[in-house]
Each structure stands twice: as structure tokens, then as C-alpha cells.
Amino acid sequence: MDCQKDLYNFNVFSYTRGTKSMEAPMKIVVPLTELKIRNLKAESKRKKYFDGFGLMLDVMTSGRKYWRVKTTLDKKDVCHTLGHWPAMSLKAAREAAAEFNRTKGAPPADPVVTVRDLCDSWQQAFMVHFVPKEVKRKSFFINKYICSTIGDMDAKALTPSVILNQTLRPIEAAGYRETAHRVKSLMSQILRFGIGDGLVERDYTLDLKDSLAPTVVTHRPALIDKGKVARLMFDIFCYDGSPAVAYALRILPYVFVRPGELRHALWDEIDFEAKQWRIPAEKMKMRAPHIVPLADQVLSMLGELRKHTGDGELLFPGARLKTKPISDMAVNAALKYLGYEGKAVCAHGFRATASTLLNEMGYNSDWIERQLAHAERNGVRAAYNHADYLPERRKMMQDWADFLDGLREGVKP
């Protein structure tokens, strides 16, 4: 039978038993499609999907997908890697397999996996774990600083010197010292990703530990003088902008969360009976669920806010589209309108204000750090501690709300 008539529907093979050559029954192979390949998920064990005539897609437990072609040479099975999907499409893989078979199994030169290919594979595997803002930032760094300089280079030809001199040093020389360190960290993640499948030998950034000038840590501006905090709280409650922005500005000092976490809050996450706000892991910077105990004052403000925005999902919807939250600059713009420039105080600075003053007031630093949702050093403990110190944190948050109200009420108009 001429197998070329139906190239990808049948896989014909023969085997020898004793001295007699026997032809096994034809085994039907359902051809792969791009849609099927895209939908294939990683399993607990490595799995192979055949396309016909020795071409297979090898799906690793990590989710990475490699094209391989299998044949017999000198009575030995030979398996050769052609490339990886999606960098090599199904059509390209079939053409490469056909060429491999045409030369009767003589292995062509190993396909070059470029740094760009490696970056693409890493993004496909890991970008789903990041919040949209982080995805956008990492994609920008990859395209602007990595792929634009060494993207076309064979990943196996990388060296610490190449990474330093072609990618990192130019960023540093342009005055973006912190960005250089961020790109170095991102490059480290990508290289470690490629080690398992032999795409690179090791993480070359480890050799660059002291090669970049250290970054200068600049803390976000925050008010820690009680008199100034009192005035700020008084001014905040005088702001008469849109209800969504006004209440976001009022509530933020009481809850210790990051501005972005507050902006995306949903009414379904607020439990008025339990007096708490449960933030799902995908919204948190550290990708762990977080509980925010709500003081009586916050519950009262939420009750007032619900009269304005309670008919939608978002607590703080934008003025134009109710399905999108207020902008990330809305609260800072309101502070600027009140006369507080960025160098004096910013939306993120309320966290530093709470941390500094509560520590000065003698509260347990573990309670404070847990309420700030800072990263835990012990990864196992971090997976279970989103409710740690909850009774103590409830009392601390109510005390903090009473403290802020006391400061505000002591200000003379």
C-alpha cells in the first residue's frame, strides 16, 4: 500500500519475530491540528501525541511542547528533536519531518533555539500566573531589553559576558539602574525555565551578582507626623469629588491595602456580617488570599457608598464605564487637588504611615506585617497563614480607625 496517499492518517510499521518478518496491522493515527495542540494541557507524566510517519508532539510535565521525529537506523530507534511549539508550527514540523524521512533518517543539524524562542516559551507557561499589570511590564522588558539585543542569538551560546555587555550595561548606562536589576532578575527566571529541557546549561546571571551598581532604595512618600496626619485626614473628608473617588480616598487610610487592590474591590468580596473583606489571591501582589478586618467606621462608609455604586459589581467604578474601576491615578489626583503633592504624600504612602505609627504605638510587628500582606519567608507557612492573627488584627484595625478619627476630630477648621 502506498502510504503517501494518506500521509498523516496511517502509521505502518513492521517487526521481526525469530527469522520471519511480519507486518503488523495498520494503526490509525488521528492527525494533530493547531487547535488540538493549543488545548493540550500538561499532565503528571510526560505524554506523546503522534501525527503520523514518526512525527510526534512531546508534551512535558512543565507544559512545554516539543516536536520530535522517530525512525529506525541500523536496527536502532532514533528520536530527533525538530523544534518546539509554538515557535515551530504544525505545518513546519511536518515539513521538517518529511525532510528527515527523505534523507532516510540522517539527522539534520540540531535546530537553533533562540533567546526569543526561549522567552516566548516562558511567557506561554508563566504569564498566566501574573496580574495584567505585571504581564504588561514583563512583556515590555522582554521585548525592549532582551529580544531587541540578544533575541536572535542561539540560547546555548549565551554567556554571562554577553548578557551583561549586550543587555544589562546599556540599560544601566542610560540611567535606568533599577530597570537593569529588574531585567537581570527576569532573565534569571527565563534561563532557569530552559535548564530542564537542555535549552541552556545554567543560569548565567548568577555570575553577575556584583556586576551592576546597587540600586538606591527610595521609599514612597508618607506622613508620619501625627499633626500632619490629622490635617490630612480632615482634608480627605472635605473632598467633594465623585462618590467613587471620594470614598476610595476616605477608606484607603483605614485598610492598609495597596491602591490597586482597593480600586478593584467587588461588593461580593465584602462580608458585612463578618466585618471583613476577602481579597482573592489573583488580585494580590503576592498571589495569596488576604483578609482585611473592617472597622465600624469603614463599614459605615461602605454603607454610604453602596447607595451610589451598589447596583454594580465594583465598589469604585469609573465615571465612563461602570464595568471598569476608577483609574490608578484617581486617588493621587484627588490628593493633589487637596494640595498634597506627590513628594509629600501619595496613595501608597498610607501603608507606610500605618506601619510606622502602629509600630511606634507598640503593636506586634507580626500583626502589622500580616495586615500589610507582605511576603513570608517560609513558603509553606505563607500558603496557610492568610488568616494568621485574625482576632488580634481585628482589634488593631478598630484601634487604628479610632486613632485616625481622633486625630481628625481634633483639627480645627
Protein backbone atom coordinates (compact mmCIF):
# COMPACT_ATOMS: atom_id res chain seq x y z
CA MET A 1 0.00 0.00 0.00
CA ASP A 2 1.25 3.47 -0.87
CA CYS A 3 1.24 5.27 2.43
CA GLN A 4 1.89 8.64 0.79
CA LYS A 5 -1.71 8.71 -0.39
CA ASP A 6 -2.80 9.41 3.15
CA LEU A 7 0.31 10.80 4.73
CA TYR A 8 -1.00 11.60 8.20
CA ASN A 9 -3.82 9.08 8.67
CA PHE A 10 -1.80 5.87 8.97
CA ASN A 11 1.34 4.70 10.65
CA VAL A 12 2.66 1.50 9.05
CA PHE A 13 5.37 -0.46 10.81
CA SER A 14 6.93 -3.91 10.73
CA TYR A 15 8.73 -6.06 13.20
CA THR A 16 10.72 -9.30 13.20
CA ARG A 17 9.92 -12.37 15.25
CA GLY A 18 12.58 -15.04 15.01
CA THR A 19 13.52 -15.36 11.35
CA LYS A 20 10.19 -14.29 9.88
CA SER A 21 9.36 -10.74 9.03
CA MET A 22 5.78 -9.91 9.87
CA GLU A 23 3.78 -6.83 9.01
CA ALA A 24 1.64 -5.58 11.88
CA PRO A 25 -1.91 -4.35 11.31
CA MET A 26 -2.22 -0.75 10.30
CA LYS A 27 -2.62 1.57 13.26
CA ILE A 28 -4.83 4.56 12.63
CA VAL A 29 -3.32 7.83 13.80
CA VAL A 30 -5.59 10.85 14.06
CA PRO A 31 -3.68 13.87 12.70
CA LEU A 32 -2.98 16.73 15.04
CA THR A 33 -4.39 20.20 14.49
CA GLU A 34 -3.20 23.58 15.75
CA LEU A 35 -6.37 23.88 17.85
CA LYS A 36 -5.83 20.49 19.46
CA ILE A 37 -2.19 21.31 20.17
CA ARG A 38 -3.14 24.63 21.73
CA ASN A 39 -5.62 22.92 24.04
CA LEU A 40 -3.27 20.17 25.21
CA LYS A 41 -2.54 20.51 28.90
CA ALA A 42 0.38 19.25 30.93
CA GLU A 43 -0.25 16.09 32.91
CA SER A 44 1.52 14.44 35.82
CA LYS A 45 3.51 12.35 33.35
CA ARG A 46 5.19 13.25 30.08
CA LYS A 47 2.90 12.40 27.16
CA LYS A 48 3.41 11.96 23.41
CA TYR A 49 0.88 12.72 20.68
CA PHE A 50 1.51 11.18 17.24
CA ASP A 51 0.80 12.87 13.93
CA GLY A 52 1.97 10.10 11.57
CA PHE A 53 5.19 8.85 10.00
CA GLY A 54 7.21 9.22 13.14
CA LEU A 55 6.26 12.83 13.88
CA MET A 56 5.14 13.35 17.44
CA LEU A 57 4.46 16.19 19.85
CA ASP A 58 6.16 15.58 23.19
CA VAL A 59 4.29 17.41 25.99
CA MET A 60 6.45 17.81 29.10
CA THR A 61 5.07 17.95 32.64
CA SER A 62 6.01 21.64 32.63
CA GLY A 63 3.61 22.24 29.73
CA ARG A 64 6.33 22.82 27.16
CA LYS A 65 5.73 21.11 23.80
CA TYR A 66 8.49 19.73 21.55
CA TRP A 67 8.35 18.31 18.05
CA ARG A 68 10.26 15.06 17.66
CA VAL A 69 10.59 12.59 14.79
CA LYS A 70 11.21 8.90 15.34
CA THR A 71 12.65 6.37 12.90
CA THR A 72 14.88 3.29 12.82
CA LEU A 73 18.53 3.46 11.82
CA ASP A 74 20.79 0.41 11.83
CA LYS A 75 18.11 -1.53 13.71
CA LYS A 76 18.04 1.13 16.43
CA ASP A 77 15.31 3.61 17.23
CA VAL A 78 16.36 7.18 16.64
CA CYS A 79 14.41 10.12 18.10
CA HIS A 80 15.39 13.57 16.93
CA THR A 81 14.12 16.93 18.19
CA LEU A 82 12.94 19.25 15.43
CA GLY A 83 11.91 22.29 17.47
CA HIS A 84 9.27 23.43 19.92
CA TRP A 85 5.72 24.62 19.56
CA PRO A 86 4.56 27.38 19.03
CA ALA A 87 7.87 28.62 17.59
CA MET A 88 7.61 25.73 15.08
CA SER A 89 4.09 25.36 13.74
CA LEU A 90 2.42 22.06 12.87
CA LYS A 91 2.96 22.71 9.17
CA ALA A 92 6.64 23.50 9.66
CA ALA A 93 7.09 20.40 11.83
CA ARG A 94 5.53 18.19 9.13
CA GLU A 95 7.84 19.67 6.53
CA ALA A 96 10.86 19.11 8.79
CA ALA A 97 9.76 15.52 9.46
CA ALA A 98 9.30 14.89 5.72
CA GLU A 99 12.82 16.19 5.08
CA PHE A 100 14.12 13.98 7.88
CA ASN A 101 12.46 10.91 6.33
CA ARG A 102 13.56 11.91 2.80
CA THR A 103 17.18 11.76 3.87
CA LYS A 104 16.45 8.33 5.31
CA GLY A 105 16.89 9.41 8.86
CA ALA A 106 20.17 11.22 8.52
CA PRO A 107 19.78 13.72 11.36
CA PRO A 108 19.91 17.33 10.19
CA ALA A 109 21.76 19.88 12.22
CA ASP A 110 20.19 20.49 15.61
CA PRO A 111 17.58 23.24 15.33
CA VAL A 112 18.62 26.53 16.83
CA VAL A 113 16.52 27.63 19.80
CA THR A 114 16.97 31.35 20.03
CA VAL A 115 16.68 33.52 23.11
CA ARG A 116 13.46 34.86 21.59
CA ASP A 117 12.10 31.29 21.34
CA LEU A 118 13.03 30.71 24.97
CA CYS A 119 11.32 33.94 26.03
CA ASP A 120 8.19 33.01 24.06
CA SER A 121 8.01 29.60 25.75
CA TRP A 122 8.49 31.14 29.19
CA GLN A 123 5.75 33.68 28.58
CA GLN A 124 3.35 30.99 27.40
CA ALA A 125 4.00 28.91 30.52
CA PHE A 126 4.15 31.59 33.21
CA MET A 127 2.33 34.78 32.18
CA VAL A 128 -0.99 33.23 33.22
CA HIS A 129 0.19 33.44 36.83
CA PHE A 130 0.65 37.21 36.84
CA VAL A 131 -1.84 40.04 37.18
CA PRO A 132 -2.43 42.02 33.93
CA LYS A 133 -0.28 44.94 35.04
CA GLU A 134 2.65 42.61 35.75
CA VAL A 135 2.15 40.81 32.42
CA LYS A 136 2.34 44.12 30.59
CA ARG A 137 5.51 45.16 32.46
CA LYS A 138 7.33 41.86 31.93
CA SER A 139 6.36 41.73 28.25
CA PHE A 140 7.71 45.25 27.81
CA PHE A 141 11.04 44.33 29.45
CA ILE A 142 11.37 41.18 27.32
CA ASN A 143 10.67 42.92 24.03
CA LYS A 144 12.55 46.17 24.66
CA TYR A 145 15.60 44.99 26.56
CA ILE A 146 16.11 41.26 25.89
CA CYS A 147 14.74 40.35 22.45
CA SER A 148 15.90 43.61 20.88
CA THR A 149 19.52 42.93 21.86
CA ILE A 150 20.09 39.15 22.04
CA GLY A 151 16.76 37.77 20.83
CA ASP A 152 18.16 36.21 17.63
CA MET A 153 21.08 34.59 19.40
CA ASP A 154 21.29 30.83 19.97
CA ALA A 155 20.28 30.33 23.61
CA LYS A 156 23.08 27.77 24.06
CA ALA A 157 25.65 30.39 23.02
CA LEU A 158 24.78 32.70 25.90
CA THR A 159 27.48 33.66 28.39
CA PRO A 160 27.50 35.94 31.44
CA SER A 161 29.54 38.45 29.44
CA VAL A 162 27.01 38.57 26.60
CA ILE A 163 24.11 39.15 28.96
CA LEU A 164 25.99 41.83 30.87
CA ASN A 165 27.51 43.77 27.98
CA GLN A 166 24.79 43.49 25.36
CA THR A 167 21.70 43.73 27.56
CA LEU A 168 22.26 44.98 31.11
CA ARG A 169 25.09 47.51 30.82
CA PRO A 170 23.34 49.58 28.09
CA ILE A 171 20.28 49.88 30.35
CA GLU A 172 22.45 50.96 33.26
CA ALA A 173 24.39 53.43 31.07
CA ALA A 174 21.11 55.04 30.04
CA GLY A 175 20.46 55.86 33.68
CA TYR A 176 17.91 53.11 34.40
CA ARG A 177 19.78 51.34 37.16
CA GLU A 178 16.74 49.78 38.83
CA THR A 179 15.43 48.58 35.46
CA ALA A 180 18.74 46.85 34.79
CA HIS A 181 18.35 44.89 38.02
CA ARG A 182 14.75 44.01 37.15
CA VAL A 183 15.74 42.77 33.69
CA LYS A 184 18.55 40.71 35.24
CA SER A 185 16.05 39.08 37.60
CA LEU A 186 13.65 38.40 34.72
CA MET A 187 16.46 36.92 32.63
CA SER A 188 17.28 34.63 35.54
CA GLN A 189 13.70 33.30 35.61
CA ILE A 190 13.76 32.64 31.86
CA LEU A 191 17.10 30.85 31.96
CA ARG A 192 16.07 28.63 34.88
CA PHE A 193 12.97 27.75 32.90
CA GLY A 194 15.10 26.49 29.99
CA ILE A 195 17.56 24.40 32.00
CA GLY A 196 15.24 21.41 32.47
CA ASP A 197 14.91 20.70 28.75
CA GLY A 198 18.52 21.35 27.90
CA LEU A 199 17.86 24.63 26.08
CA VAL A 200 20.52 26.32 28.23
CA GLU A 201 23.14 24.89 30.53
CA ARG A 202 22.62 27.09 33.57
CA ASP A 203 21.52 30.46 34.91
CA TYR A 204 24.33 32.72 33.77
CA THR A 205 23.03 35.71 35.72
CA LEU A 206 24.34 34.09 38.91
CA ASP A 207 27.83 35.11 37.76
CA LEU A 208 26.73 38.75 37.58
CA LYS A 209 25.94 39.24 41.26
CA ASP A 210 28.16 42.29 41.74
CA SER A 211 28.43 43.43 38.13
CA LEU A 212 25.75 46.14 38.33
CA ALA A 213 25.82 49.20 40.54
CA PRO A 214 23.46 48.74 43.50
CA THR A 215 20.10 50.43 43.41
CA VAL A 216 19.25 53.26 45.74
CA VAL A 217 16.15 52.38 47.70
CA THR A 218 13.66 55.24 47.60
CA HIS A 219 10.78 54.84 50.00
CA ARG A 220 7.38 56.04 48.91
CA PRO A 221 6.44 59.37 50.48
CA ALA A 222 4.40 59.07 53.66
CA LEU A 223 3.33 61.28 56.53
CA ILE A 224 4.34 60.08 59.98
CA ASP A 225 3.93 63.31 61.94
CA LYS A 226 0.68 62.94 63.89
CA GLY A 227 -0.23 66.59 63.46
CA LYS A 228 0.18 66.39 59.70
CA VAL A 229 -1.70 63.09 59.55
CA ALA A 230 -4.56 64.73 61.44
CA ARG A 231 -4.72 67.56 58.92
CA LEU A 232 -4.56 65.14 56.02
CA MET A 233 -7.47 63.11 57.40
CA PHE A 234 -9.50 66.28 57.91
CA ASP A 235 -8.84 67.41 54.34
CA ILE A 236 -9.66 63.98 52.92
CA PHE A 237 -13.14 64.08 54.42
CA CYS A 238 -13.64 67.53 52.91
CA TYR A 239 -13.02 66.28 49.36
CA ASP A 240 -16.22 66.60 47.33
CA GLY A 241 -15.36 64.82 44.08
CA SER A 242 -17.24 61.87 42.59
CA PRO A 243 -18.53 59.36 45.20
CA ALA A 244 -16.29 56.56 43.89
CA VAL A 245 -13.10 58.63 44.21
CA ALA A 246 -14.16 60.38 47.41
CA TYR A 247 -14.89 57.14 49.28
CA ALA A 248 -11.80 55.40 47.89
CA LEU A 249 -9.75 58.30 49.28
CA ARG A 250 -11.51 58.10 52.67
CA ILE A 251 -11.36 54.32 53.07
CA LEU A 252 -7.77 53.77 51.92
CA PRO A 253 -6.07 55.03 55.13
CA TYR A 254 -8.15 52.58 57.22
CA VAL A 255 -7.48 49.31 55.37
CA PHE A 256 -3.68 49.12 54.67
CA VAL A 257 -4.18 47.67 51.16
CA ARG A 258 -2.40 48.72 48.00
CA PRO A 259 -4.32 51.29 45.91
CA GLY A 260 -4.75 48.82 43.05
CA GLU A 261 -6.27 46.22 45.36
CA LEU A 262 -8.78 48.78 46.63
CA ARG A 263 -9.72 50.01 43.16
CA HIS A 264 -10.65 46.51 42.01
CA ALA A 265 -12.71 45.62 45.09
CA LEU A 266 -16.07 43.93 44.41
CA TRP A 267 -19.21 44.07 46.52
CA ASP A 268 -19.29 40.25 46.59
CA GLU A 269 -15.97 40.30 48.46
CA ILE A 270 -17.36 42.38 51.34
CA ASP A 271 -18.93 40.43 54.20
CA PHE A 272 -20.82 42.98 56.28
CA GLU A 273 -21.91 40.36 58.82
CA ALA A 274 -18.40 39.02 59.41
CA LYS A 275 -16.98 42.57 59.18
CA GLN A 276 -14.27 41.64 56.71
CA TRP A 277 -13.14 41.92 53.12
CA ARG A 278 -11.78 38.76 51.49
CA ILE A 279 -9.44 39.53 48.61
CA PRO A 280 -8.80 36.55 46.27
CA ALA A 281 -5.23 35.50 45.54
CA GLU A 282 -5.28 36.59 41.89
CA LYS A 283 -5.76 40.23 42.96
CA MET A 284 -2.91 40.26 45.45
CA LYS A 285 0.66 41.17 44.58
CA MET A 286 1.96 38.13 46.49
CA ARG A 287 -0.64 35.85 44.89
CA ALA A 288 -2.10 34.69 48.21
CA PRO A 289 -5.64 35.31 49.55
CA HIS A 290 -5.91 38.11 52.08
CA ILE A 291 -8.42 39.04 54.77
CA VAL A 292 -8.96 42.67 55.75
CA PRO A 293 -10.89 43.14 59.01
CA LEU A 294 -13.21 46.12 58.61
CA ALA A 295 -13.59 48.64 61.45
CA ASP A 296 -17.01 50.04 62.25
CA GLN A 297 -16.09 53.31 60.56
CA VAL A 298 -15.22 51.51 57.30
CA LEU A 299 -18.47 49.53 57.38
CA SER A 300 -20.37 52.78 57.83
CA MET A 301 -18.60 54.36 54.84
CA LEU A 302 -19.26 51.27 52.73
CA GLY A 303 -22.93 51.50 53.62
CA GLU A 304 -22.97 55.09 52.36
CA LEU A 305 -21.02 54.16 49.22
CA ARG A 306 -23.44 51.34 48.41
CA LYS A 307 -26.19 53.92 47.87
CA HIS A 308 -24.11 55.30 45.00
CA THR A 309 -22.44 52.23 43.45
CA GLY A 310 -24.24 49.25 44.96
CA ASP A 311 -26.12 48.49 41.74
CA GLY A 312 -22.91 47.24 40.08
CA GLU A 313 -20.13 44.78 40.88
CA LEU A 314 -17.39 47.31 41.61
CA LEU A 315 -17.17 49.42 44.75
CA PHE A 316 -15.36 52.16 42.86
CA PRO A 317 -16.50 52.17 39.20
CA GLY A 318 -15.17 54.71 36.74
CA ALA A 319 -17.26 57.64 35.56
CA ARG A 320 -17.49 56.44 31.95
CA LEU A 321 -17.64 52.65 32.21
CA LYS A 322 -19.26 51.10 35.28
CA THR A 323 -17.55 47.79 34.49
CA LYS A 324 -14.08 49.29 34.97
CA PRO A 325 -12.70 50.79 38.19
CA ILE A 326 -11.50 54.33 38.71
CA SER A 327 -8.07 54.97 37.23
CA ASP A 328 -4.88 54.20 39.11
CA MET A 329 -4.18 57.94 39.27
CA ALA A 330 -7.59 58.99 40.61
CA VAL A 331 -6.69 58.97 44.31
CA ASN A 332 -3.34 60.69 43.76
CA ALA A 333 -5.08 63.30 41.61
CA ALA A 334 -7.54 63.92 44.46
CA LEU A 335 -4.65 64.34 46.92
CA LYS A 336 -3.01 66.79 44.56
CA TYR A 337 -6.29 68.70 44.29
CA LEU A 338 -6.27 68.96 48.09
CA GLY A 339 -2.78 70.46 47.97
CA TYR A 340 -0.70 67.36 48.70
CA GLU A 341 1.95 66.97 46.02
CA GLY A 342 3.47 63.56 45.30
CA LYS A 343 6.65 64.27 47.25
CA ALA A 344 4.67 64.86 50.42
CA VAL A 345 2.18 62.01 50.34
CA CYS A 346 0.77 59.50 47.84
CA ALA A 347 -1.93 56.85 47.86
CA HIS A 348 0.56 54.04 48.50
CA GLY A 349 2.09 56.01 51.37
CA PHE A 350 -0.87 55.32 53.68
CA ARG A 351 0.57 51.83 54.20
CA ALA A 352 3.87 53.27 55.43
CA THR A 353 2.02 55.73 57.66
CA ALA A 354 0.07 52.90 59.31
CA SER A 355 3.12 50.66 59.66
CA THR A 356 5.31 53.36 61.21
CA LEU A 357 2.77 54.74 63.67
CA LEU A 358 1.42 51.34 64.76
CA ASN A 359 4.95 50.12 65.46
CA GLU A 360 5.58 53.28 67.49
CA MET A 361 2.35 52.60 69.39
CA GLY A 362 3.69 49.17 70.42
CA TYR A 363 1.60 46.82 68.28
CA ASN A 364 3.08 43.44 67.41
CA SER A 365 5.12 43.77 64.21
CA ASP A 366 3.91 40.35 63.01
CA TRP A 367 0.30 41.56 63.15
CA ILE A 368 1.24 44.67 61.18
CA GLU A 369 3.22 42.77 58.53
CA ARG A 370 0.43 40.23 58.14
CA GLN A 371 -2.10 43.02 57.66
CA LEU A 372 0.15 44.64 55.07
CA ALA A 373 0.19 41.27 53.22
CA HIS A 374 3.95 41.29 52.94
CA ALA A 375 5.70 38.17 51.61
CA GLU A 376 6.52 35.35 54.01
CA ARG A 377 9.99 33.85 54.00
CA ASN A 378 8.59 30.39 54.70
CA GLY A 379 6.66 29.43 51.57
CA VAL A 380 4.78 26.55 53.25
CA ARG A 381 3.61 28.73 56.11
CA ALA A 382 2.64 31.50 53.72
CA ALA A 383 0.23 29.17 51.94
CA TYR A 384 -1.83 28.75 55.10
CA ASN A 385 -1.43 31.96 57.07
CA HIS A 386 -3.79 34.36 55.29
CA ALA A 387 -5.90 34.25 58.48
CA ASP A 388 -2.99 34.44 60.95
CA TYR A 389 -3.54 36.69 63.97
CA LEU A 390 -7.04 37.49 62.73
CA PRO A 391 -8.53 38.23 66.20
CA GLU A 392 -5.56 40.43 67.06
CA ARG A 393 -5.72 42.15 63.68
CA ARG A 394 -9.43 42.86 64.13
CA LYS A 395 -8.75 44.73 67.34
CA MET A 396 -5.72 46.51 65.86
CA MET A 397 -7.70 47.69 62.84
CA GLN A 398 -10.51 49.03 65.03
CA ASP A 399 -7.97 50.76 67.28
CA TRP A 400 -6.33 52.29 64.21
CA ALA A 401 -9.67 53.57 62.90
CA ASP A 402 -10.45 55.12 66.29
CA PHE A 403 -6.97 56.67 66.33
CA LEU A 404 -7.44 58.24 62.87
CA ASP A 405 -10.88 59.57 63.78
CA GLY A 406 -9.47 61.03 66.99
CA LEU A 407 -6.78 62.86 65.05
CA ARG A 408 -9.27 64.18 62.50
CA GLU A 409 -11.77 65.35 65.11
CA GLY A 410 -9.04 67.30 66.88
CA VAL A 411 -8.39 69.53 63.87
CA LYS A 412 -9.84 72.98 63.93
CA PRO A 413 -11.44 74.05 60.59
